PDB file of N, CA and C in Angstrom:
ATOM      1  N   MET A   1       6.903   1.314 -22.580  1.00  0.00           N
ATOM      2  CA  MET A   1       6.763  -0.012 -22.047  1.00  0.00           C
ATOM      3  C   MET A   1       7.925  -0.841 -22.589  1.00  0.00           C
ATOM      4  N   ARG A   2       8.578  -1.510 -21.696  1.00  0.00           N
ATOM      5  CA  ARG A   2       9.727  -2.314 -22.130  1.00  0.00           C
ATOM      6  C   ARG A   2       9.301  -3.543 -22.924  1.00  0.00           C
ATOM      7  N   ILE A   3       8.162  -4.111 -22.538  1.00  0.00           N
ATOM      8  CA  ILE A   3       7.644  -5.288 -23.231  1.00  0.00           C
ATOM      9  C   ILE A   3       6.417  -4.852 -24.027  1.00  0.00           C
ATOM     10  N   PRO A   4       6.368  -5.157 -25.308  1.00  0.00           N
ATOM     11  CA  PRO A   4       5.204  -4.750 -26.108  1.00  0.00           C
ATOM     12  C   PRO A   4       3.903  -5.333 -25.565  1.00  0.00           C
ATOM     13  N   VAL A   5       2.823  -4.642 -25.815  1.00  0.00           N
ATOM     14  CA  VAL A   5       1.502  -5.114 -25.401  1.00  0.00           C
ATOM     15  C   VAL A   5       1.253  -6.475 -26.049  1.00  0.00           C
ATOM     16  N   ASP A   6       0.809  -7.425 -25.236  1.00  0.00           N
ATOM     17  CA  ASP A   6       0.534  -8.782 -25.704  1.00  0.00           C
ATOM     18  C   ASP A   6      -0.980  -8.994 -25.661  1.00  0.00           C
ATOM     19  N   ILE A   7      -1.567  -9.252 -26.817  1.00  0.00           N
ATOM     20  CA  ILE A   7      -3.013  -9.455 -26.916  1.00  0.00           C
ATOM     21  C   ILE A   7      -3.268 -10.865 -27.421  1.00  0.00           C
ATOM     22  N   SER A   8      -4.093 -11.607 -26.684  1.00  0.00           N
ATOM     23  CA  SER A   8      -4.449 -12.942 -27.156  1.00  0.00           C
ATOM     24  C   SER A   8      -5.963 -13.042 -27.307  1.00  0.00           C
ATOM     25  N   TYR A   9      -6.344 -13.741 -28.340  1.00  0.00           N
ATOM     26  CA  TYR A   9      -7.759 -13.964 -28.661  1.00  0.00           C
ATOM     27  C   TYR A   9      -8.033 -15.438 -28.466  1.00  0.00           C
ATOM     28  N   ARG A  10      -8.801 -15.770 -27.448  1.00  0.00           N
ATOM     29  CA  ARG A  10      -9.115 -17.175 -27.143  1.00  0.00           C
ATOM     30  C   ARG A  10     -10.578 -17.418 -27.480  1.00  0.00           C
ATOM     31  N   SER A  11     -10.800 -18.009 -28.607  1.00  0.00           N
ATOM     32  CA  SER A  11     -12.154 -18.260 -29.115  1.00  0.00           C
ATOM     33  C   SER A  11     -12.919 -16.972 -29.379  1.00  0.00           C
ATOM     34  N   VAL A  12     -12.178 -15.910 -29.614  1.00  0.00           N
ATOM     35  CA  VAL A  12     -12.743 -14.625 -30.027  1.00  0.00           C
ATOM     36  C   VAL A  12     -12.073 -14.293 -31.349  1.00  0.00           C
ATOM     37  N   PRO A  13     -12.836 -13.965 -32.381  1.00  0.00           N
ATOM     38  CA  PRO A  13     -12.211 -13.651 -33.659  1.00  0.00           C
ATOM     39  C   PRO A  13     -11.354 -12.388 -33.567  1.00  0.00           C
ATOM     40  N   TYR A  14     -10.217 -12.426 -34.260  1.00  0.00           N
ATOM     41  CA  TYR A  14      -9.336 -11.255 -34.297  1.00  0.00           C
ATOM     42  C   TYR A  14     -10.091 -10.065 -34.865  1.00  0.00           C
ATOM     43  N   SER A  15      -9.839  -8.906 -34.275  1.00  0.00           N
ATOM     44  CA  SER A  15     -10.449  -7.679 -34.763  1.00  0.00           C
ATOM     45  C   SER A  15      -9.425  -6.559 -34.696  1.00  0.00           C
ATOM     46  N   GLN A  16      -9.199  -5.913 -35.816  1.00  0.00           N
ATOM     47  CA  GLN A  16      -8.277  -4.787 -35.853  1.00  0.00           C
ATOM     48  C   GLN A  16      -8.786  -3.646 -34.968  1.00  0.00           C
ATOM     49  N   ASP A  17     -10.100  -3.461 -34.926  1.00  0.00           N
ATOM     50  CA  ASP A  17     -10.685  -2.420 -34.078  1.00  0.00           C
ATOM     51  C   ASP A  17     -10.443  -2.708 -32.597  1.00  0.00           C
ATOM     52  N   LEU A  18     -10.619  -3.957 -32.190  1.00  0.00           N
ATOM     53  CA  LEU A  18     -10.363  -4.319 -30.798  1.00  0.00           C
ATOM     54  C   LEU A  18      -8.892  -4.142 -30.453  1.00  0.00           C
ATOM     55  N   GLU A  19      -8.024  -4.549 -31.369  1.00  0.00           N
ATOM     56  CA  GLU A  19      -6.591  -4.382 -31.131  1.00  0.00           C
ATOM     57  C   GLU A  19      -6.248  -2.902 -30.967  1.00  0.00           C
ATOM     58  N   HIS A  20      -6.811  -2.062 -31.809  1.00  0.00           N
ATOM     59  CA  HIS A  20      -6.563  -0.621 -31.717  1.00  0.00           C
ATOM     60  C   HIS A  20      -7.066  -0.073 -30.375  1.00  0.00           C
ATOM     61  N   LEU A  21      -8.241  -0.481 -29.946  1.00  0.00           N
ATOM     62  CA  LEU A  21      -8.796  -0.044 -28.665  1.00  0.00           C
ATOM     63  C   LEU A  21      -7.881  -0.452 -27.509  1.00  0.00           C
ATOM     64  N   ILE A  22      -7.447  -1.700 -27.513  1.00  0.00           N
ATOM     65  CA  ILE A  22      -6.586  -2.198 -26.442  1.00  0.00           C
ATOM     66  C   ILE A  22      -5.262  -1.448 -26.422  1.00  0.00           C
ATOM     67  N   ARG A  23      -4.657  -1.276 -27.589  1.00  0.00           N
ATOM     68  CA  ARG A  23      -3.375  -0.557 -27.642  1.00  0.00           C
ATOM     69  C   ARG A  23      -3.535   0.898 -27.203  1.00  0.00           C
ATOM     70  N   SER A  24      -4.638   1.525 -27.563  1.00  0.00           N
ATOM     71  CA  SER A  24      -4.899   2.912 -27.140  1.00  0.00           C
ATOM     72  C   SER A  24      -5.054   2.994 -25.626  1.00  0.00           C
ATOM     73  N   GLU A  25      -5.788   2.049 -25.044  1.00  0.00           N
ATOM     74  CA  GLU A  25      -5.965   2.026 -23.592  1.00  0.00           C
ATOM     75  C   GLU A  25      -4.627   1.784 -22.885  1.00  0.00           C
ATOM     76  N   ALA A  26      -3.816   0.889 -23.422  1.00  0.00           N
ATOM     77  CA  ALA A  26      -2.506   0.605 -22.826  1.00  0.00           C
ATOM     78  C   ALA A  26      -1.584   1.818 -22.927  1.00  0.00           C
ATOM     79  N   GLU A  27      -1.610   2.510 -24.053  1.00  0.00           N
ATOM     80  CA  GLU A  27      -0.785   3.708 -24.217  1.00  0.00           C
ATOM     81  C   GLU A  27      -1.207   4.805 -23.238  1.00  0.00           C
ATOM     82  N   ALA A  28      -2.507   4.969 -23.044  1.00  0.00           N
ATOM     83  CA  ALA A  28      -3.005   5.970 -22.089  1.00  0.00           C
ATOM     84  C   ALA A  28      -2.557   5.616 -20.673  1.00  0.00           C
ATOM     85  N   LEU A  29      -2.603   4.343 -20.339  1.00  0.00           N
ATOM     86  CA  LEU A  29      -2.164   3.897 -19.026  1.00  0.00           C
ATOM     87  C   LEU A  29      -0.667   4.158 -18.845  1.00  0.00           C
ATOM     88  N   GLU A  30       0.095   3.899 -19.888  1.00  0.00           N
ATOM     89  CA  GLU A  30       1.541   4.110 -19.822  1.00  0.00           C
ATOM     90  C   GLU A  30       1.889   5.596 -19.675  1.00  0.00           C
ATOM     91  N   ARG A  31       1.117   6.467 -20.312  1.00  0.00           N
ATOM     92  CA  ARG A  31       1.373   7.903 -20.170  1.00  0.00           C
ATOM     93  C   ARG A  31       1.212   8.347 -18.713  1.00  0.00           C
ATOM     94  N   LYS A  32       0.259   7.759 -18.015  1.00  0.00           N
ATOM     95  CA  LYS A  32       0.042   8.113 -16.607  1.00  0.00           C
ATOM     96  C   LYS A  32       1.007   7.384 -15.680  1.00  0.00           C
ATOM     97  N   HIS A  33       1.505   6.236 -16.126  1.00  0.00           N
ATOM     98  CA  HIS A  33       2.387   5.412 -15.298  1.00  0.00           C
ATOM     99  C   HIS A  33       3.589   4.977 -16.148  1.00  0.00           C
ATOM    100  N   PRO A  34       4.568   5.869 -16.333  1.00  0.00           N
ATOM    101  CA  PRO A  34       5.693   5.565 -17.232  1.00  0.00           C
ATOM    102  C   PRO A  34       6.569   4.390 -16.791  1.00  0.00           C
ATOM    103  N   ALA A  35       6.460   3.968 -15.539  1.00  0.00           N
ATOM    104  CA  ALA A  35       7.253   2.832 -15.071  1.00  0.00           C
ATOM    105  C   ALA A  35       6.675   1.491 -15.531  1.00  0.00           C
ATOM    106  N   LEU A  36       5.547   1.530 -16.212  1.00  0.00           N
ATOM    107  CA  LEU A  36       4.888   0.314 -16.683  1.00  0.00           C
ATOM    108  C   LEU A  36       5.859  -0.519 -17.518  1.00  0.00           C
ATOM    109  N   ILE A  37       5.986  -1.784 -17.166  1.00  0.00           N
ATOM    110  CA  ILE A  37       6.898  -2.679 -17.882  1.00  0.00           C
ATOM    111  C   ILE A  37       6.185  -3.417 -19.001  1.00  0.00           C
ATOM    112  N   GLY A  38       4.991  -3.917 -18.727  1.00  0.00           N
ATOM    113  CA  GLY A  38       4.290  -4.707 -19.727  1.00  0.00           C
ATOM    114  C   GLY A  38       2.798  -4.763 -19.465  1.00  0.00           C
ATOM    115  N   CYS A  39       2.082  -5.182 -20.501  1.00  0.00           N
ATOM    116  CA  CYS A  39       0.629  -5.295 -20.416  1.00  0.00           C
ATOM    117  C   CYS A  39       0.198  -6.487 -21.266  1.00  0.00           C
ATOM    118  N   ARG A  40      -0.599  -7.360 -20.660  1.00  0.00           N
ATOM    119  CA  ARG A  40      -1.165  -8.507 -21.372  1.00  0.00           C
ATOM    120  C   ARG A  40      -2.674  -8.434 -21.301  1.00  0.00           C
ATOM    121  N   VAL A  41      -3.300  -8.685 -22.419  1.00  0.00           N
ATOM    122  CA  VAL A  41      -4.757  -8.691 -22.477  1.00  0.00           C
ATOM    123  C   VAL A  41      -5.192  -9.983 -23.147  1.00  0.00           C
ATOM    124  N   ALA A  42      -6.119 -10.678 -22.498  1.00  0.00           N
ATOM    125  CA  ALA A  42      -6.688 -11.893 -23.074  1.00  0.00           C
ATOM    126  C   ALA A  42      -8.183 -11.686 -23.240  1.00  0.00           C
ATOM    127  N   LEU A  43      -8.654 -11.900 -24.447  1.00  0.00           N
ATOM    128  CA  LEU A  43     -10.085 -11.864 -24.736  1.00  0.00           C
ATOM    129  C   LEU A  43     -10.525 -13.315 -24.881  1.00  0.00           C
ATOM    130  N   GLU A  44     -11.417 -13.730 -23.997  1.00  0.00           N
ATOM    131  CA  GLU A  44     -11.839 -15.123 -23.979  1.00  0.00           C
ATOM    132  C   GLU A  44     -13.335 -15.205 -24.225  1.00  0.00           C
ATOM    133  N   ALA A  45     -13.719 -16.045 -25.170  1.00  0.00           N
ATOM    134  CA  ALA A  45     -15.142 -16.211 -25.479  1.00  0.00           C
ATOM    135  C   ALA A  45     -15.789 -17.010 -24.375  1.00  0.00           C
ATOM    136  N   PRO A  46     -17.013 -16.773 -24.100  1.00  0.00           N
ATOM    137  CA  PRO A  46     -17.788 -15.725 -24.732  1.00  0.00           C
ATOM    138  C   PRO A  46     -17.800 -14.418 -23.956  1.00  0.00           C
ATOM    139  N   HIS A  47     -17.308 -14.385 -22.707  1.00  0.00           N
ATOM    140  CA  HIS A  47     -17.616 -13.221 -21.888  1.00  0.00           C
ATOM    141  C   HIS A  47     -16.468 -12.658 -21.044  1.00  0.00           C
ATOM    142  N   ILE A  48     -15.238 -12.924 -21.315  1.00  0.00           N
ATOM    143  CA  ILE A  48     -14.184 -12.552 -20.366  1.00  0.00           C
ATOM    144  C   ILE A  48     -13.095 -11.695 -21.007  1.00  0.00           C
ATOM    145  N   VAL A  49     -12.719 -10.619 -20.293  1.00  0.00           N
ATOM    146  CA  VAL A  49     -11.572  -9.779 -20.651  1.00  0.00           C
ATOM    147  C   VAL A  49     -10.638  -9.809 -19.447  1.00  0.00           C
ATOM    148  N   HIS A  50      -9.396 -10.219 -19.660  1.00  0.00           N
ATOM    149  CA  HIS A  50      -8.407 -10.287 -18.589  1.00  0.00           C
ATOM    150  C   HIS A  50      -7.266  -9.341 -18.944  1.00  0.00           C
ATOM    151  N   VAL A  51      -7.004  -8.358 -18.069  1.00  0.00           N
ATOM    152  CA  VAL A  51      -5.911  -7.408 -18.272  1.00  0.00           C
ATOM    153  C   VAL A  51      -4.929  -7.582 -17.119  1.00  0.00           C
ATOM    154  N   ARG A  52      -3.650  -7.687 -17.473  1.00  0.00           N
ATOM    155  CA  ARG A  52      -2.586  -7.847 -16.473  1.00  0.00           C
ATOM    156  C   ARG A  52      -1.465  -6.888 -16.820  1.00  0.00           C
ATOM    157  N   VAL A  53      -1.073  -6.047 -15.871  1.00  0.00           N
ATOM    158  CA  VAL A  53       0.033  -5.120 -16.103  1.00  0.00           C
ATOM    159  C   VAL A  53       1.092  -5.322 -15.031  1.00  0.00           C
ATOM    160  N   THR A  54       2.334  -5.037 -15.413  1.00  0.00           N
ATOM    161  CA  THR A  54       3.435  -5.162 -14.469  1.00  0.00           C
ATOM    162  C   THR A  54       4.218  -3.863 -14.402  1.00  0.00           C
ATOM    163  N   LEU A  55       4.620  -3.550 -13.192  1.00  0.00           N
ATOM    164  CA  LEU A  55       5.549  -2.476 -12.891  1.00  0.00           C
ATOM    165  C   LEU A  55       6.674  -3.119 -12.097  1.00  0.00           C
ATOM    166  N   PRO A  56       7.775  -2.431 -11.901  1.00  0.00           N
ATOM    167  CA  PRO A  56       8.854  -3.056 -11.123  1.00  0.00           C
ATOM    168  C   PRO A  56       8.340  -3.523  -9.750  1.00  0.00           C
ATOM    169  N   GLY A  57       8.381  -4.819  -9.532  1.00  0.00           N
ATOM    170  CA  GLY A  57       7.987  -5.403  -8.259  1.00  0.00           C
ATOM    171  C   GLY A  57       6.491  -5.503  -8.010  1.00  0.00           C
ATOM    172  N   LEU A  58       5.662  -5.131  -8.979  1.00  0.00           N
ATOM    173  CA  LEU A  58       4.214  -5.140  -8.785  1.00  0.00           C
ATOM    174  C   LEU A  58       3.509  -5.748  -9.990  1.00  0.00           C
ATOM    175  N   VAL A  59       2.425  -6.466  -9.733  1.00  0.00           N
ATOM    176  CA  VAL A  59       1.581  -7.013 -10.795  1.00  0.00           C
ATOM    177  C   VAL A  59       0.135  -6.680 -10.442  1.00  0.00           C
ATOM    178  N   PHE A  60      -0.599  -6.189 -11.415  1.00  0.00           N
ATOM    179  CA  PHE A  60      -2.011  -5.865 -11.236  1.00  0.00           C
ATOM    180  C   PHE A  60      -2.802  -6.645 -12.271  1.00  0.00           C
ATOM    181  N   SER A  61      -3.942  -7.180 -11.842  1.00  0.00           N
ATOM    182  CA  SER A  61      -4.732  -8.015 -12.732  1.00  0.00           C
ATOM    183  C   SER A  61      -6.213  -7.755 -12.516  1.00  0.00           C
ATOM    184  N   VAL A  62      -6.956  -7.710 -13.615  1.00  0.00           N
ATOM    185  CA  VAL A  62      -8.405  -7.531 -13.578  1.00  0.00           C
ATOM    186  C   VAL A  62      -9.025  -8.517 -14.554  1.00  0.00           C
ATOM    187  N   ILE A  63     -10.086  -9.140 -14.128  1.00  0.00           N
ATOM    188  CA  ILE A  63     -10.887  -9.973 -15.023  1.00  0.00           C
ATOM    189  C   ILE A  63     -12.276  -9.354 -15.058  1.00  0.00           C
ATOM    190  N   ARG A  64     -12.726  -9.026 -16.249  1.00  0.00           N
ATOM    191  CA  ARG A  64     -14.039  -8.419 -16.444  1.00  0.00           C
ATOM    192  C   ARG A  64     -14.887  -9.347 -17.272  1.00  0.00           C
ATOM    193  N   GLU A  65     -16.063  -9.625 -16.803  1.00  0.00           N
ATOM    194  CA  GLU A  65     -17.012 -10.397 -17.586  1.00  0.00           C
ATOM    195  C   GLU A  65     -18.029  -9.438 -18.162  1.00  0.00           C
ATOM    196  N   HIS A  66     -18.365  -9.643 -19.421  1.00  0.00           N
ATOM    197  CA  HIS A  66     -19.372  -8.791 -20.041  1.00  0.00           C
ATOM    198  C   HIS A  66     -20.611  -9.617 -20.322  1.00  0.00           C
ATOM    199  N   GLY A  67     -21.735  -8.917 -20.428  1.00  0.00           N
ATOM    200  CA  GLY A  67     -23.022  -9.580 -20.443  1.00  0.00           C
ATOM    201  C   GLY A  67     -23.385 -10.319 -21.710  1.00  0.00           C
ATOM    202  N   SER A  68     -22.782 -10.003 -22.815  1.00  0.00           N
ATOM    203  CA  SER A  68     -23.152 -10.682 -24.055  1.00  0.00           C
ATOM    204  C   SER A  68     -21.936 -10.764 -24.959  1.00  0.00           C
ATOM    205  N   THR A  69     -22.129 -11.413 -26.079  1.00  0.00           N
ATOM    206  CA  THR A  69     -21.032 -11.550 -27.028  1.00  0.00           C
ATOM    207  C   THR A  69     -20.997 -10.400 -28.020  1.00  0.00           C
ATOM    208  N   GLY A  70     -21.858  -9.405 -27.847  1.00  0.00           N
ATOM    209  CA  GLY A  70     -21.909  -8.275 -28.766  1.00  0.00           C
ATOM    210  C   GLY A  70     -20.652  -7.442 -28.714  1.00  0.00           C
ATOM    211  N   ARG A  71     -20.304  -6.873 -29.842  1.00  0.00           N
ATOM    212  CA  ARG A  71     -19.083  -6.083 -29.964  1.00  0.00           C
ATOM    213  C   ARG A  71     -19.070  -4.885 -29.021  1.00  0.00           C
ATOM    214  N   SER A  72     -20.187  -4.151 -28.909  1.00  0.00           N
ATOM    215  CA  SER A  72     -20.196  -2.979 -28.041  1.00  0.00           C
ATOM    216  C   SER A  72     -20.009  -3.380 -26.583  1.00  0.00           C
ATOM    217  N   GLN A  73     -20.532  -4.542 -26.189  1.00  0.00           N
ATOM    218  CA  GLN A  73     -20.334  -5.028 -24.827  1.00  0.00           C
ATOM    219  C   GLN A  73     -18.865  -5.360 -24.577  1.00  0.00           C
ATOM    220  N   LEU A  74     -18.201  -5.912 -25.580  1.00  0.00           N
ATOM    221  CA  LEU A  74     -16.786  -6.241 -25.443  1.00  0.00           C
ATOM    222  C   LEU A  74     -15.956  -4.968 -25.340  1.00  0.00           C
ATOM    223  N   ASP A  75     -16.255  -3.960 -26.152  1.00  0.00           N
ATOM    224  CA  ASP A  75     -15.565  -2.663 -26.057  1.00  0.00           C
ATOM    225  C   ASP A  75     -15.714  -2.094 -24.650  1.00  0.00           C
ATOM    226  N   THR A  76     -16.936  -2.123 -24.142  1.00  0.00           N
ATOM    227  CA  THR A  76     -17.215  -1.588 -22.805  1.00  0.00           C
ATOM    228  C   THR A  76     -16.445  -2.358 -21.740  1.00  0.00           C
ATOM    229  N   ALA A  77     -16.383  -3.673 -21.869  1.00  0.00           N
ATOM    230  CA  ALA A  77     -15.660  -4.493 -20.900  1.00  0.00           C
ATOM    231  C   ALA A  77     -14.162  -4.201 -20.938  1.00  0.00           C
ATOM    232  N   ILE A  78     -13.601  -3.988 -22.122  1.00  0.00           N
ATOM    233  CA  ILE A  78     -12.179  -3.648 -22.243  1.00  0.00           C
ATOM    234  C   ILE A  78     -11.917  -2.308 -21.564  1.00  0.00           C
ATOM    235  N   GLN A  79     -12.739  -1.317 -21.861  1.00  0.00           N
ATOM    236  CA  GLN A  79     -12.553   0.002 -21.258  1.00  0.00           C
ATOM    237  C   GLN A  79     -12.708  -0.064 -19.741  1.00  0.00           C
ATOM    238  N   ALA A  80     -13.680  -0.834 -19.262  1.00  0.00           N
ATOM    239  CA  ALA A  80     -13.896  -0.971 -17.823  1.00  0.00           C
ATOM    240  C   ALA A  80     -12.719  -1.684 -17.152  1.00  0.00           C
ATOM    241  N   ALA A  81     -12.168  -2.690 -17.806  1.00  0.00           N
ATOM    242  CA  ALA A  81     -11.023  -3.412 -17.246  1.00  0.00           C
ATOM    243  C   ALA A  81      -9.824  -2.481 -17.106  1.00  0.00           C
ATOM    244  N   PHE A  82      -9.569  -1.662 -18.123  1.00  0.00           N
ATOM    245  CA  PHE A  82      -8.456  -0.714 -18.032  1.00  0.00           C
ATOM    246  C   PHE A  82      -8.728   0.355 -16.978  1.00  0.00           C
ATOM    247  N   ALA A  83      -9.968   0.783 -16.834  1.00  0.00           N
ATOM    248  CA  ALA A  83     -10.318   1.751 -15.783  1.00  0.00           C
ATOM    249  C   ALA A  83     -10.060   1.128 -14.407  1.00  0.00           C
ATOM    250  N   ASP A  84     -10.403  -0.152 -14.245  1.00  0.00           N
ATOM    251  CA  ASP A  84     -10.151  -0.843 -12.980  1.00  0.00           C
ATOM    252  C   ASP A  84      -8.658  -0.950 -12.691  1.00  0.00           C
ATOM    253  N   ILE A  85      -7.881  -1.279 -13.719  1.00  0.00           N
ATOM    254  CA  ILE A  85      -6.420  -1.365 -13.555  1.00  0.00           C
ATOM    255  C   ILE A  85      -5.872  -0.002 -13.155  1.00  0.00           C
ATOM    256  N   HIS A  86      -6.322   1.045 -13.829  1.00  0.00           N
ATOM    257  CA  HIS A  86      -5.860   2.404 -13.503  1.00  0.00           C
ATOM    258  C   HIS A  86      -6.166   2.717 -12.040  1.00  0.00           C
ATOM    259  N   GLN A  87      -7.351   2.377 -11.582  1.00  0.00           N
ATOM    260  CA  GLN A  87      -7.725   2.652 -10.189  1.00  0.00           C
ATOM    261  C   GLN A  87      -6.858   1.847  -9.223  1.00  0.00           C
ATOM    262  N   GLN A  88      -6.583   0.585  -9.554  1.00  0.00           N
ATOM    263  CA  GLN A  88      -5.701  -0.231  -8.715  1.00  0.00           C
ATOM    264  C   GLN A  88      -4.319   0.409  -8.608  1.00  0.00           C
ATOM    265  N   LEU A  89      -3.791   0.859  -9.750  1.00  0.00           N
ATOM    266  CA  LEU A  89      -2.475   1.507  -9.753  1.00  0.00           C
ATOM    267  C   LEU A  89      -2.484   2.763  -8.889  1.00  0.00           C
ATOM    268  N   GLU A  90      -3.492   3.594  -9.083  1.00  0.00           N
ATOM    269  CA  GLU A  90      -3.583   4.836  -8.299  1.00  0.00           C
ATOM    270  C   GLU A  90      -3.659   4.525  -6.804  1.00  0.00           C
ATOM    271  N   ASP A  91      -4.507   3.588  -6.428  1.00  0.00           N
ATOM    272  CA  ASP A  91      -4.667   3.235  -5.016  1.00  0.00           C
ATOM    273  C   ASP A  91      -3.361   2.707  -4.431  1.00  0.00           C
ATOM    274  N   ARG A  92      -2.717   1.832  -5.172  1.00  0.00           N
ATOM    275  CA  ARG A  92      -1.469   1.224  -4.671  1.00  0.00           C
ATOM    276  C   ARG A  92      -0.348   2.245  -4.605  1.00  0.00           C
ATOM    277  N   LEU A  93      -0.205   3.058  -5.621  1.00  0.00           N
ATOM    278  CA  LEU A  93       0.893   4.015  -5.642  1.00  0.00           C
ATOM    279  C   LEU A  93       0.704   5.107  -4.592  1.00  0.00           C
ATOM    280  N   GLN A  94      -0.540   5.451  -4.278  1.00  0.00           N
ATOM    281  CA  GLN A  94      -0.790   6.427  -3.211  1.00  0.00           C
ATOM    282  C   GLN A  94      -0.435   5.864  -1.849  1.00  0.00           C
ATOM    283  N   SER A  95      -0.503   4.556  -1.709  1.00  0.00           N
ATOM    284  CA  SER A  95      -0.215   3.942  -0.405  1.00  0.00           C
ATOM    285  C   SER A  95       1.280   3.694  -0.186  1.00  0.00           C
ATOM    286  N   LEU A  96       2.094   3.858  -1.245  1.00  0.00           N
ATOM    287  CA  LEU A  96       3.526   3.644  -1.092  1.00  0.00           C
ATOM    288  C   LEU A  96       4.142   4.824  -0.341  1.00  0.00           C
ATOM    289  N   PRO A  97       5.159   4.556   0.498  1.00  0.00           N
ATOM    290  CA  PRO A  97       5.810   5.658   1.211  1.00  0.00           C
ATOM    291  C   PRO A  97       6.590   6.551   0.248  1.00  0.00           C
ATOM    292  N   LEU A  98       6.656   7.832   0.561  1.00  0.00           N
ATOM    293  CA  LEU A  98       7.419   8.781  -0.241  1.00  0.00           C
ATOM    294  C   LEU A  98       8.896   8.573   0.008  1.00  0.00           C
ATOM    295  N   ASP A  99       9.722   8.840  -1.024  1.00  0.00           N
ATOM    296  CA  ASP A  99      11.166   8.778  -0.817  1.00  0.00           C
ATOM    297  C   ASP A  99      11.641  10.103  -0.208  1.00  0.00           C
ATOM    298  N   ALA A 100      12.920  10.237   0.042  1.00  0.00           N
ATOM    299  CA  ALA A 100      13.458  11.415   0.709  1.00  0.00           C
ATOM    300  C   ALA A 100      13.196  12.714  -0.049  1.00  0.00           C
ATOM    301  N   SER A 101      12.991  12.626  -1.360  1.00  0.00           N
ATOM    302  CA  SER A 101      12.761  13.837  -2.152  1.00  0.00           C
ATOM    303  C   SER A 101      11.291  14.244  -2.139  1.00  0.00           C
ATOM    304  N   GLY A 102      10.436  13.462  -1.478  1.00  0.00           N
ATOM    305  CA  GLY A 102       9.011  13.782  -1.420  1.00  0.00           C
ATOM    306  C   GLY A 102       8.199  13.198  -2.546  1.00  0.00           C
ATOM    307  N   ARG A 103       8.809  12.322  -3.363  1.00  0.00           N
ATOM    308  CA  ARG A 103       8.090  11.695  -4.472  1.00  0.00           C
ATOM    309  C   ARG A 103       7.613  10.328  -4.096  1.00  0.00           C
TER     310      ARG A 103
END
């Protein structure tokens, strides 16, 4: 990723575990999509996870609301947001026309 992962905590206390989870999810996404330029994640109290990723000429964004302020719910919402982003990328990239080499 050309731009480091940007994580913001808006009325959510900083957590090293959450940061590790987010960075792990972003790294997994980058392994599948090496053209990824950047990833921003905002954790907003009490119930919102916003993930935004950019590729050349494309921006994908997901906002996930979780049901409670519990830590396990926040972990689940982060994982679900990254799963949604991955699906958006797959859907969009499959719809792009192939170049002359068949890629």
